[in-house]
Amino acid sequence: MKKSVITFFFAMIPSIATLLLLIEYFPYTGLGRVVSIPITLFFNITILIISLFITEKLKSRVFKSLIWFAAIPISVLVAIYLHPQEYLPSVLTQLRELIFSHTTK
């Protein structure tokens, strides 16, 4: 039980860090942030708890690692996808333009 709680909290670190970075770098959310942050946390907690239950049933260390390597990026993508923008394009669109803007010219 203690190991599961520690694993869960370590798996939550990327999600929390993503939320903090989104709040810092994409602040134009209006009142949508009041609703989106609890919903994002709920979805991320649900994803990680389901992953925790699945990995407790497995014996193979490789499969456990694969599940965690899939669950953590999914929770980060959920945080990015659910972050609202009031009048700018979505966060995914802004990130895509920022990363790939030099390739389209």
Protein backbone atom coordinates (compact mmCIF):
# COMPACT_ATOMS: atom_id res chain seq x y z
CA MET A 1 0.00 0.00 0.00
CA LYS A 2 2.77 2.44 0.91
CA LYS A 3 4.59 1.74 -2.36
CA SER A 4 1.38 2.38 -4.32
CA VAL A 5 0.88 5.76 -2.70
CA ILE A 6 4.48 6.77 -3.37
CA THR A 7 4.18 5.60 -6.99
CA PHE A 8 0.97 7.57 -7.42
CA PHE A 9 2.50 10.78 -6.07
CA PHE A 10 5.59 10.41 -8.25
CA ALA A 11 3.33 9.85 -11.27
CA MET A 12 1.37 13.03 -10.42
CA ILE A 13 4.49 15.23 -10.51
CA PRO A 14 4.52 15.65 -14.34
CA SER A 15 0.80 16.51 -14.35
CA ILE A 16 1.15 19.10 -11.60
CA ALA A 17 4.27 20.56 -13.26
CA THR A 18 2.40 20.76 -16.57
CA LEU A 19 -0.51 22.57 -14.95
CA LEU A 20 1.83 25.05 -13.29
CA LEU A 21 3.66 25.69 -16.56
CA LEU A 22 0.38 26.12 -18.42
CA ILE A 23 -0.83 28.64 -15.85
CA GLU A 24 2.46 30.52 -16.13
CA TYR A 25 2.87 30.57 -19.92
CA PHE A 26 -0.76 30.51 -21.10
CA PRO A 27 -2.53 32.83 -18.65
CA TYR A 28 -5.36 34.09 -20.89
CA THR A 29 -7.98 31.69 -19.67
CA GLY A 30 -10.72 33.92 -18.31
CA LEU A 31 -12.93 32.12 -15.85
CA GLY A 32 -12.40 28.83 -17.66
CA ARG A 33 -9.42 28.08 -15.44
CA VAL A 34 -11.71 27.87 -12.40
CA VAL A 35 -13.51 24.95 -14.01
CA SER A 36 -10.73 23.38 -16.06
CA ILE A 37 -8.12 22.84 -13.33
CA PRO A 38 -10.33 20.67 -11.07
CA ILE A 39 -11.60 18.73 -14.10
CA THR A 40 -8.04 18.22 -15.33
CA LEU A 41 -6.91 17.03 -11.91
CA PHE A 42 -9.87 14.65 -11.71
CA PHE A 43 -9.08 13.13 -15.11
CA ASN A 44 -5.37 12.84 -14.36
CA ILE A 45 -6.00 11.25 -10.96
CA THR A 46 -8.43 8.81 -12.59
CA ILE A 47 -5.93 7.87 -15.31
CA LEU A 48 -3.16 7.29 -12.79
CA ILE A 49 -5.32 5.32 -10.35
CA ILE A 50 -6.49 3.04 -13.16
CA SER A 51 -2.85 2.59 -14.20
CA LEU A 52 -1.94 1.82 -10.61
CA PHE A 53 -4.63 -0.86 -10.34
CA ILE A 54 -3.55 -2.41 -13.63
CA THR A 55 0.13 -2.48 -12.67
CA GLU A 56 -0.63 -4.04 -9.29
CA LYS A 57 -2.18 -7.01 -11.09
CA LEU A 58 0.76 -7.52 -13.44
CA LYS A 59 3.87 -9.45 -12.56
CA SER A 60 6.06 -8.47 -15.50
CA ARG A 61 8.22 -5.45 -14.83
CA VAL A 62 8.35 -4.67 -18.54
CA PHE A 63 4.57 -4.42 -18.86
CA LYS A 64 4.39 -2.29 -15.71
CA SER A 65 6.96 0.07 -17.15
CA LEU A 66 5.15 0.26 -20.49
CA ILE A 67 1.88 1.13 -18.77
CA TRP A 68 3.54 3.92 -16.78
CA PHE A 69 5.40 5.18 -19.87
CA ALA A 70 2.00 5.45 -21.58
CA ALA A 71 -0.06 6.76 -18.64
CA ILE A 72 2.16 9.68 -17.65
CA PRO A 73 2.33 11.26 -21.15
CA ILE A 74 -1.41 10.72 -21.55
CA SER A 75 -2.05 12.62 -18.31
CA VAL A 76 0.21 15.45 -19.50
CA LEU A 77 -1.59 15.60 -22.86
CA VAL A 78 -4.94 15.68 -21.06
CA ALA A 79 -3.71 18.65 -19.02
CA ILE A 80 -2.58 20.47 -22.16
CA TYR A 81 -5.75 19.66 -24.10
CA LEU A 82 -8.11 20.79 -21.33
CA HIS A 83 -6.34 24.09 -20.64
CA PRO A 84 -8.66 26.83 -21.95
CA GLN A 85 -7.75 29.98 -23.82
CA GLU A 86 -10.12 32.93 -23.79
CA TYR A 87 -9.39 34.60 -27.12
CA LEU A 88 -6.19 32.98 -28.41
CA PRO A 89 -6.01 29.67 -30.28
CA SER A 90 -5.85 26.50 -28.20
CA VAL A 91 -2.67 25.63 -26.34
CA LEU A 92 -1.95 22.76 -28.75
CA THR A 93 -2.22 25.11 -31.73
CA GLN A 94 0.04 27.68 -30.09
CA LEU A 95 2.62 25.03 -29.20
CA ARG A 96 2.53 23.59 -32.71
CA GLU A 97 3.05 27.04 -34.23
CA LEU A 98 5.86 27.76 -31.79
CA ILE A 99 7.68 24.49 -32.46
CA PHE A 100 7.09 24.14 -36.19
CA SER A 101 6.93 27.77 -37.32
CA HIS A 102 10.40 27.67 -38.86
CA THR A 103 9.56 24.65 -41.05
CA THR A 104 6.58 26.26 -42.77
CA LYS A 105 8.45 29.24 -44.20
